[in-house]
Amino acid sequence: MFESRCGVLCNSCERKEMVKCKGCVNIEKPFWGGECGVKACCEDKKLKHCGVCESFPCDMLSSMGKEFGYDPAPRLEALRKWAAESKL
């Protein structure tokens, strides 16, 4: 079962309750009030998450969070897992 559009493991997020985030699949706008390009892209393409996109992994997804020091590898692995589960 997928938890986000981009592969973030929302159910394991330490900040989820503090910022009152319900997860991008359950909200119209991200908790920070801006726009998430990954969320918008998935919704425009009517995809549950990036792992099922024909362009996976795209540049936007692969670079997401790097400017803040986040490693994209765990998110990409989660997306691969969710995509494989959806094929079962």
PDB file of N, CA and C in Angstrom:
ATOM      1  N   MET A   1       0.847  -1.181   0.000  1.00  0.00           N
ATOM      2  CA  MET A   1       0.000   0.000   0.000  1.00  0.00           C
ATOM      3  C   MET A   1       0.887   1.237   0.000  1.00  0.00           C
ATOM      4  N   PHE A   2       0.654   2.130  -0.927  1.00  0.00           N
ATOM      5  CA  PHE A   2       1.465   3.335  -1.018  1.00  0.00           C
ATOM      6  C   PHE A   2       1.032   4.355   0.040  1.00  0.00           C
ATOM      7  N   GLU A   3       1.989   5.187   0.475  1.00  0.00           N
ATOM      8  CA  GLU A   3       1.733   6.182   1.514  1.00  0.00           C
ATOM      9  C   GLU A   3       1.799   7.610   0.990  1.00  0.00           C
ATOM     10  N   SER A   4       2.428   7.814  -0.154  1.00  0.00           N
ATOM     11  CA  SER A   4       2.598   9.166  -0.695  1.00  0.00           C
ATOM     12  C   SER A   4       2.759   9.068  -2.207  1.00  0.00           C
ATOM     13  N   ARG A   5       2.802  10.204  -2.853  1.00  0.00           N
ATOM     14  CA  ARG A   5       3.021  10.237  -4.301  1.00  0.00           C
ATOM     15  C   ARG A   5       4.507  10.043  -4.630  1.00  0.00           C
ATOM     16  N   CYS A   6       5.392  10.545  -3.742  1.00  0.00           N
ATOM     17  CA  CYS A   6       6.827  10.616  -4.043  1.00  0.00           C
ATOM     18  C   CYS A   6       7.668   9.531  -3.382  1.00  0.00           C
ATOM     19  N   GLY A   7       7.066   8.699  -2.558  1.00  0.00           N
ATOM     20  CA  GLY A   7       7.827   7.645  -1.895  1.00  0.00           C
ATOM     21  C   GLY A   7       8.189   7.934  -0.455  1.00  0.00           C
ATOM     22  N   VAL A   8       7.828   9.100   0.051  1.00  0.00           N
ATOM     23  CA  VAL A   8       8.041   9.385   1.472  1.00  0.00           C
ATOM     24  C   VAL A   8       7.185   8.406   2.273  1.00  0.00           C
ATOM     25  N   LEU A   9       7.779   7.845   3.313  1.00  0.00           N
ATOM     26  CA  LEU A   9       7.053   6.922   4.177  1.00  0.00           C
ATOM     27  C   LEU A   9       6.332   7.738   5.251  1.00  0.00           C
ATOM     28  N   CYS A  10       5.178   8.240   4.907  1.00  0.00           N
ATOM     29  CA  CYS A  10       4.416   9.142   5.777  1.00  0.00           C
ATOM     30  C   CYS A  10       4.120   8.522   7.142  1.00  0.00           C
ATOM     31  N   ASN A  11       3.820   7.246   7.176  1.00  0.00           N
ATOM     32  CA  ASN A  11       3.472   6.605   8.439  1.00  0.00           C
ATOM     33  C   ASN A  11       4.648   6.518   9.396  1.00  0.00           C
ATOM     34  N   SER A  12       5.873   6.735   8.892  1.00  0.00           N
ATOM     35  CA  SER A  12       7.072   6.714   9.731  1.00  0.00           C
ATOM     36  C   SER A  12       7.610   8.116   9.996  1.00  0.00           C
ATOM     37  N   CYS A  13       6.951   9.120   9.488  1.00  0.00           N
ATOM     38  CA  CYS A  13       7.440  10.493   9.599  1.00  0.00           C
ATOM     39  C   CYS A  13       7.278  11.007  11.028  1.00  0.00           C
ATOM     40  N   GLU A  14       8.376  11.517  11.580  1.00  0.00           N
ATOM     41  CA  GLU A  14       8.367  12.053  12.940  1.00  0.00           C
ATOM     42  C   GLU A  14       7.630  13.391  13.017  1.00  0.00           C
ATOM     43  N   ARG A  15       7.523  14.090  11.908  1.00  0.00           N
ATOM     44  CA  ARG A  15       6.902  15.418  11.904  1.00  0.00           C
ATOM     45  C   ARG A  15       5.418  15.393  11.554  1.00  0.00           C
ATOM     46  N   LYS A  16       4.903  14.254  11.148  1.00  0.00           N
ATOM     47  CA  LYS A  16       3.533  14.156  10.639  1.00  0.00           C
ATOM     48  C   LYS A  16       2.500  14.781  11.578  1.00  0.00           C
ATOM     49  N   GLU A  17       2.514  14.394  12.835  1.00  0.00           N
ATOM     50  CA  GLU A  17       1.524  14.925  13.777  1.00  0.00           C
ATOM     51  C   GLU A  17       1.812  16.372  14.151  1.00  0.00           C
ATOM     52  N   MET A  18       3.093  16.712  14.274  1.00  0.00           N
ATOM     53  CA  MET A  18       3.468  18.069  14.661  1.00  0.00           C
ATOM     54  C   MET A  18       2.946  19.097  13.657  1.00  0.00           C
ATOM     55  N   VAL A  19       3.019  18.769  12.367  1.00  0.00           N
ATOM     56  CA  VAL A  19       2.562  19.708  11.337  1.00  0.00           C
ATOM     57  C   VAL A  19       1.136  19.399  10.863  1.00  0.00           C
ATOM     58  N   LYS A  20       0.522  18.412  11.519  1.00  0.00           N
ATOM     59  CA  LYS A  20      -0.858  18.008  11.204  1.00  0.00           C
ATOM     60  C   LYS A  20      -1.025  17.607   9.734  1.00  0.00           C
ATOM     61  N   CYS A  21      -0.044  16.857   9.237  1.00  0.00           N
ATOM     62  CA  CYS A  21      -0.071  16.400   7.847  1.00  0.00           C
ATOM     63  C   CYS A  21      -0.867  15.095   7.763  1.00  0.00           C
ATOM     64  N   LYS A  22      -1.765  15.046   6.824  1.00  0.00           N
ATOM     65  CA  LYS A  22      -2.569  13.839   6.597  1.00  0.00           C
ATOM     66  C   LYS A  22      -2.054  13.040   5.407  1.00  0.00           C
ATOM     67  N   GLY A  23      -0.934  13.486   4.834  1.00  0.00           N
ATOM     68  CA  GLY A  23      -0.375  12.805   3.673  1.00  0.00           C
ATOM     69  C   GLY A  23      -0.901  13.407   2.388  1.00  0.00           C
ATOM     70  N   CYS A  24      -0.044  13.478   1.392  1.00  0.00           N
ATOM     71  CA  CYS A  24      -0.404  14.169   0.152  1.00  0.00           C
ATOM     72  C   CYS A  24      -1.555  13.508  -0.601  1.00  0.00           C
ATOM     73  N   VAL A  25      -1.783  12.227  -0.354  1.00  0.00           N
ATOM     74  CA  VAL A  25      -2.887  11.574  -1.061  1.00  0.00           C
ATOM     75  C   VAL A  25      -4.234  11.939  -0.443  1.00  0.00           C
ATOM     76  N   ASN A  26      -4.198  12.585   0.745  1.00  0.00           N
ATOM     77  CA  ASN A  26      -5.434  12.920   1.456  1.00  0.00           C
ATOM     78  C   ASN A  26      -5.692  14.413   1.590  1.00  0.00           C
ATOM     79  N   ILE A  27      -4.812  15.228   1.042  1.00  0.00           N
ATOM     80  CA  ILE A  27      -4.972  16.676   1.181  1.00  0.00           C
ATOM     81  C   ILE A  27      -4.877  17.357  -0.179  1.00  0.00           C
ATOM     82  N   GLU A  28      -5.455  18.547  -0.258  1.00  0.00           N
ATOM     83  CA  GLU A  28      -5.410  19.298  -1.508  1.00  0.00           C
ATOM     84  C   GLU A  28      -4.071  20.005  -1.683  1.00  0.00           C
ATOM     85  N   LYS A  29      -3.582  20.629  -0.619  1.00  0.00           N
ATOM     86  CA  LYS A  29      -2.297  21.341  -0.645  1.00  0.00           C
ATOM     87  C   LYS A  29      -1.393  20.772   0.437  1.00  0.00           C
ATOM     88  N   PRO A  30      -0.086  20.771   0.212  1.00  0.00           N
ATOM     89  CA  PRO A  30       0.856  20.309   1.230  1.00  0.00           C
ATOM     90  C   PRO A  30       0.745  21.131   2.516  1.00  0.00           C
ATOM     91  N   PHE A  31       1.185  20.554   3.614  1.00  0.00           N
ATOM     92  CA  PHE A  31       1.063  21.211   4.913  1.00  0.00           C
ATOM     93  C   PHE A  31       1.789  22.547   4.969  1.00  0.00           C
ATOM     94  N   TRP A  32       2.803  22.742   4.116  1.00  0.00           N
ATOM     95  CA  TRP A  32       3.531  24.008   4.135  1.00  0.00           C
ATOM     96  C   TRP A  32       2.810  25.103   3.370  1.00  0.00           C
ATOM     97  N   GLY A  33       1.714  24.762   2.699  1.00  0.00           N
ATOM     98  CA  GLY A  33       0.884  25.749   2.037  1.00  0.00           C
ATOM     99  C   GLY A  33       1.264  26.062   0.609  1.00  0.00           C
ATOM    100  N   GLY A  34       2.406  25.586   0.166  1.00  0.00           N
ATOM    101  CA  GLY A  34       2.831  25.827  -1.209  1.00  0.00           C
ATOM    102  C   GLY A  34       2.294  24.762  -2.139  1.00  0.00           C
ATOM    103  N   GLU A  35       3.044  24.521  -3.186  1.00  0.00           N
ATOM    104  CA  GLU A  35       2.659  23.469  -4.125  1.00  0.00           C
ATOM    105  C   GLU A  35       3.791  22.466  -4.229  1.00  0.00           C
ATOM    106  N   CYS A  36       3.436  21.219  -4.374  1.00  0.00           N
ATOM    107  CA  CYS A  36       4.412  20.156  -4.586  1.00  0.00           C
ATOM    108  C   CYS A  36       4.313  19.725  -6.046  1.00  0.00           C
ATOM    109  N   GLY A  37       5.392  19.918  -6.784  1.00  0.00           N
ATOM    110  CA  GLY A  37       5.397  19.560  -8.198  1.00  0.00           C
ATOM    111  C   GLY A  37       5.184  18.082  -8.436  1.00  0.00           C
ATOM    112  N   VAL A  38       5.715  17.247  -7.555  1.00  0.00           N
ATOM    113  CA  VAL A  38       5.555  15.794  -7.696  1.00  0.00           C
ATOM    114  C   VAL A  38       4.095  15.406  -7.495  1.00  0.00           C
ATOM    115  N   LYS A  39       3.468  15.938  -6.458  1.00  0.00           N
ATOM    116  CA  LYS A  39       2.048  15.664  -6.196  1.00  0.00           C
ATOM    117  C   LYS A  39       1.199  16.113  -7.383  1.00  0.00           C
ATOM    118  N   ALA A  40       1.453  17.329  -7.855  1.00  0.00           N
ATOM    119  CA  ALA A  40       0.682  17.868  -8.981  1.00  0.00           C
ATOM    120  C   ALA A  40       0.869  17.024 -10.232  1.00  0.00           C
ATOM    121  N   CYS A  41       2.095  16.587 -10.492  1.00  0.00           N
ATOM    122  CA  CYS A  41       2.372  15.774 -11.676  1.00  0.00           C
ATOM    123  C   CYS A  41       1.599  14.457 -11.626  1.00  0.00           C
ATOM    124  N   CYS A  42       1.657  13.784 -10.486  1.00  0.00           N
ATOM    125  CA  CYS A  42       0.934  12.506 -10.345  1.00  0.00           C
ATOM    126  C   CYS A  42      -0.562  12.705 -10.528  1.00  0.00           C
ATOM    127  N   GLU A  43      -1.090  13.741  -9.917  1.00  0.00           N
ATOM    128  CA  GLU A  43      -2.525  13.979 -10.020  1.00  0.00           C
ATOM    129  C   GLU A  43      -2.926  14.355 -11.436  1.00  0.00           C
ATOM    130  N   ASP A  44      -2.092  15.130 -12.133  1.00  0.00           N
ATOM    131  CA  ASP A  44      -2.385  15.474 -13.526  1.00  0.00           C
ATOM    132  C   ASP A  44      -2.415  14.229 -14.413  1.00  0.00           C
ATOM    133  N   LYS A  45      -1.510  13.293 -14.117  1.00  0.00           N
ATOM    134  CA  LYS A  45      -1.435  12.052 -14.896  1.00  0.00           C
ATOM    135  C   LYS A  45      -2.376  10.969 -14.377  1.00  0.00           C
ATOM    136  N   LYS A  46      -3.097  11.297 -13.292  1.00  0.00           N
ATOM    137  CA  LYS A  46      -4.036  10.362 -12.657  1.00  0.00           C
ATOM    138  C   LYS A  46      -3.330   9.086 -12.179  1.00  0.00           C
ATOM    139  N   LEU A  47      -2.158   9.288 -11.569  1.00  0.00           N
ATOM    140  CA  LEU A  47      -1.369   8.186 -11.028  1.00  0.00           C
ATOM    141  C   LEU A  47      -1.445   8.203  -9.515  1.00  0.00           C
ATOM    142  N   LYS A  48      -1.452   7.038  -8.913  1.00  0.00           N
ATOM    143  CA  LYS A  48      -1.456   6.961  -7.452  1.00  0.00           C
ATOM    144  C   LYS A  48      -0.126   7.421  -6.880  1.00  0.00           C
ATOM    145  N   HIS A  49       0.969   7.077  -7.543  1.00  0.00           N
ATOM    146  CA  HIS A  49       2.301   7.476  -7.096  1.00  0.00           C
ATOM    147  C   HIS A  49       3.269   7.396  -8.266  1.00  0.00           C
ATOM    148  N   CYS A  50       4.454   7.978  -8.069  1.00  0.00           N
ATOM    149  CA  CYS A  50       5.455   8.070  -9.135  1.00  0.00           C
ATOM    150  C   CYS A  50       5.989   6.720  -9.608  1.00  0.00           C
ATOM    151  N   GLY A  51       5.939   5.725  -8.758  1.00  0.00           N
ATOM    152  CA  GLY A  51       6.487   4.418  -9.114  1.00  0.00           C
ATOM    153  C   GLY A  51       5.798   3.762 -10.294  1.00  0.00           C
ATOM    154  N   VAL A  52       4.586   4.174 -10.602  1.00  0.00           N
ATOM    155  CA  VAL A  52       3.851   3.587 -11.720  1.00  0.00           C
ATOM    156  C   VAL A  52       3.893   4.473 -12.975  1.00  0.00           C
ATOM    157  N   CYS A  53       4.697   5.532 -12.924  1.00  0.00           N
ATOM    158  CA  CYS A  53       4.814   6.445 -14.065  1.00  0.00           C
ATOM    159  C   CYS A  53       5.774   5.863 -15.098  1.00  0.00           C
ATOM    160  N   GLU A  54       5.470   6.071 -16.361  1.00  0.00           N
ATOM    161  CA  GLU A  54       6.346   5.581 -17.434  1.00  0.00           C
ATOM    162  C   GLU A  54       7.682   6.324 -17.451  1.00  0.00           C
ATOM    163  N   SER A  55       7.750   7.501 -16.809  1.00  0.00           N
ATOM    164  CA  SER A  55       8.994   8.277 -16.753  1.00  0.00           C
ATOM    165  C   SER A  55       9.782   8.055 -15.456  1.00  0.00           C
ATOM    166  N   PHE A  56       9.374   7.116 -14.642  1.00  0.00           N
ATOM    167  CA  PHE A  56      10.038   6.854 -13.354  1.00  0.00           C
ATOM    168  C   PHE A  56      11.437   6.320 -13.554  1.00  0.00           C
ATOM    169  N   PRO A  57      12.396   6.841 -12.818  1.00  0.00           N
ATOM    170  CA  PRO A  57      12.370   8.047 -11.991  1.00  0.00           C
ATOM    171  C   PRO A  57      12.769   9.266 -12.816  1.00  0.00           C
ATOM    172  N   CYS A  58      11.956  10.273 -12.802  1.00  0.00           N
ATOM    173  CA  CYS A  58      12.232  11.488 -13.562  1.00  0.00           C
ATOM    174  C   CYS A  58      13.223  12.369 -12.789  1.00  0.00           C
ATOM    175  N   ASP A  59      13.694  13.417 -13.440  1.00  0.00           N
ATOM    176  CA  ASP A  59      14.648  14.329 -12.806  1.00  0.00           C
ATOM    177  C   ASP A  59      14.044  15.030 -11.591  1.00  0.00           C
ATOM    178  N   MET A  60      12.781  15.457 -11.695  1.00  0.00           N
ATOM    179  CA  MET A  60      12.147  16.157 -10.584  1.00  0.00           C
ATOM    180  C   MET A  60      12.100  15.264  -9.348  1.00  0.00           C
ATOM    181  N   LEU A  61      11.682  14.035  -9.517  1.00  0.00           N
ATOM    182  CA  LEU A  61      11.586  13.101  -8.398  1.00  0.00           C
ATOM    183  C   LEU A  61      12.961  12.760  -7.847  1.00  0.00           C
ATOM    184  N   SER A  62      13.910  12.503  -8.724  1.00  0.00           N
ATOM    185  CA  SER A  62      15.251  12.096  -8.313  1.00  0.00           C
ATOM    186  C   SER A  62      16.019  13.191  -7.580  1.00  0.00           C
ATOM    187  N   SER A  63      15.689  14.446  -7.854  1.00  0.00           N
ATOM    188  CA  SER A  63      16.399  15.544  -7.192  1.00  0.00           C
ATOM    189  C   SER A  63      15.632  16.112  -6.002  1.00  0.00           C
ATOM    190  N   MET A  64      14.394  15.691  -5.817  1.00  0.00           N
ATOM    191  CA  MET A  64      13.554  16.219  -4.743  1.00  0.00           C
ATOM    192  C   MET A  64      14.210  16.017  -3.369  1.00  0.00           C
ATOM    193  N   GLY A  65      14.382  17.100  -2.641  1.00  0.00           N
ATOM    194  CA  GLY A  65      14.935  17.060  -1.297  1.00  0.00           C
ATOM    195  C   GLY A  65      16.442  17.120  -1.206  1.00  0.00           C
ATOM    196  N   LYS A  66      17.129  16.936  -2.313  1.00  0.00           N
ATOM    197  CA  LYS A  66      18.596  16.957  -2.281  1.00  0.00           C
ATOM    198  C   LYS A  66      19.143  18.285  -1.763  1.00  0.00           C
ATOM    199  N   GLU A  67      18.461  19.384  -2.110  1.00  0.00           N
ATOM    200  CA  GLU A  67      18.942  20.696  -1.663  1.00  0.00           C
ATOM    201  C   GLU A  67      18.875  20.852  -0.147  1.00  0.00           C
ATOM    202  N   PHE A  68      18.093  19.991   0.514  1.00  0.00           N
ATOM    203  CA  PHE A  68      17.994  19.999   1.976  1.00  0.00           C
ATOM    204  C   PHE A  68      18.783  18.861   2.610  1.00  0.00           C
ATOM    205  N   GLY A  69      19.556  18.142   1.797  1.00  0.00           N
ATOM    206  CA  GLY A  69      20.408  17.073   2.307  1.00  0.00           C
ATOM    207  C   GLY A  69      19.764  15.704   2.395  1.00  0.00           C
ATOM    208  N   TYR A  70      18.584  15.533   1.789  1.00  0.00           N
ATOM    209  CA  TYR A  70      17.903  14.238   1.837  1.00  0.00           C
ATOM    210  C   TYR A  70      18.377  13.328   0.704  1.00  0.00           C
ATOM    211  N   ASP A  71      18.584  12.084   1.023  1.00  0.00           N
ATOM    212  CA  ASP A  71      18.975  11.069   0.044  1.00  0.00           C
ATOM    213  C   ASP A  71      17.707  10.545  -0.627  1.00  0.00           C
ATOM    214  N   PRO A  72      17.593  10.609  -1.938  1.00  0.00           N
ATOM    215  CA  PRO A  72      16.385  10.143  -2.620  1.00  0.00           C
ATOM    216  C   PRO A  72      16.267   8.613  -2.683  1.00  0.00           C
ATOM    217  N   ALA A  73      17.346   7.888  -2.424  1.00  0.00           N
ATOM    218  CA  ALA A  73      17.335   6.424  -2.588  1.00  0.00           C
ATOM    219  C   ALA A  73      16.227   5.718  -1.803  1.00  0.00           C
ATOM    220  N   PRO A  74      15.986   6.034  -0.525  1.00  0.00           N
ATOM    221  CA  PRO A  74      14.905   5.340   0.187  1.00  0.00           C
ATOM    222  C   PRO A  74      13.520   5.588  -0.415  1.00  0.00           C
ATOM    223  N   ARG A  75      13.280   6.807  -0.901  1.00  0.00           N
ATOM    224  CA  ARG A  75      11.988   7.105  -1.531  1.00  0.00           C
ATOM    225  C   ARG A  75      11.824   6.321  -2.827  1.00  0.00           C
ATOM    226  N   LEU A  76      12.893   6.290  -3.617  1.00  0.00           N
ATOM    227  CA  LEU A  76      12.828   5.576  -4.896  1.00  0.00           C
ATOM    228  C   LEU A  76      12.612   4.083  -4.668  1.00  0.00           C
ATOM    229  N   GLU A  77      13.246   3.533  -3.646  1.00  0.00           N
ATOM    230  CA  GLU A  77      13.063   2.115  -3.326  1.00  0.00           C
ATOM    231  C   GLU A  77      11.626   1.837  -2.878  1.00  0.00           C
ATOM    232  N   ALA A  78      11.064   2.724  -2.070  1.00  0.00           N
ATOM    233  CA  ALA A  78       9.667   2.561  -1.645  1.00  0.00           C
ATOM    234  C   ALA A  78       8.742   2.569  -2.857  1.00  0.00           C
ATOM    235  N   LEU A  79       8.997   3.469  -3.794  1.00  0.00           N
ATOM    236  CA  LEU A  79       8.164   3.544  -5.000  1.00  0.00           C
ATOM    237  C   LEU A  79       8.273   2.281  -5.841  1.00  0.00           C
ATOM    238  N   ARG A  80       9.478   1.744  -5.952  1.00  0.00           N
ATOM    239  CA  ARG A  80       9.645   0.475  -6.690  1.00  0.00           C
ATOM    240  C   ARG A  80       8.852  -0.643  -6.016  1.00  0.00           C
ATOM    241  N   LYS A  81       8.892  -0.674  -4.703  1.00  0.00           N
ATOM    242  CA  LYS A  81       8.161  -1.698  -3.935  1.00  0.00           C
ATOM    243  C   LYS A  81       6.650  -1.533  -4.145  1.00  0.00           C
ATOM    244  N   TRP A  82       6.152  -0.316  -4.038  1.00  0.00           N
ATOM    245  CA  TRP A  82       4.717  -0.085  -4.212  1.00  0.00           C
ATOM    246  C   TRP A  82       4.269  -0.422  -5.634  1.00  0.00           C
ATOM    247  N   ALA A  83       5.114  -0.117  -6.621  1.00  0.00           N
ATOM    248  CA  ALA A  83       4.776  -0.447  -8.015  1.00  0.00           C
ATOM    249  C   ALA A  83       4.697  -1.951  -8.197  1.00  0.00           C
ATOM    250  N   ALA A  84       5.634  -2.677  -7.602  1.00  0.00           N
ATOM    251  CA  ALA A  84       5.635  -4.139  -7.702  1.00  0.00           C
ATOM    252  C   ALA A  84       4.402  -4.716  -7.015  1.00  0.00           C
ATOM    253  N   GLU A  85       4.029  -4.170  -5.869  1.00  0.00           N
ATOM    254  CA  GLU A  85       2.850  -4.641  -5.146  1.00  0.00           C
ATOM    255  C   GLU A  85       1.574  -4.410  -5.952  1.00  0.00           C
ATOM    256  N   SER A  86       1.527  -3.313  -6.699  1.00  0.00           N
ATOM    257  CA  SER A  86       0.325  -2.997  -7.467  1.00  0.00           C
ATOM    258  C   SER A  86       0.137  -3.927  -8.648  1.00  0.00           C
ATOM    259  N   LYS A  87       1.225  -4.625  -9.042  1.00  0.00           N
ATOM    260  CA  LYS A  87       1.137  -5.559 -10.158  1.00  0.00           C
ATOM    261  C   LYS A  87       0.686  -6.951  -9.729  1.00  0.00           C
ATOM    262  N   LEU A  88       0.670  -7.182  -8.409  1.00  0.00           N
ATOM    263  CA  LEU A  88       0.265  -8.514  -7.900  1.00  0.00           C
ATOM    264  C   LEU A  88      -1.224  -8.741  -8.027  1.00  0.00           C
TER     265      LEU A  88
END
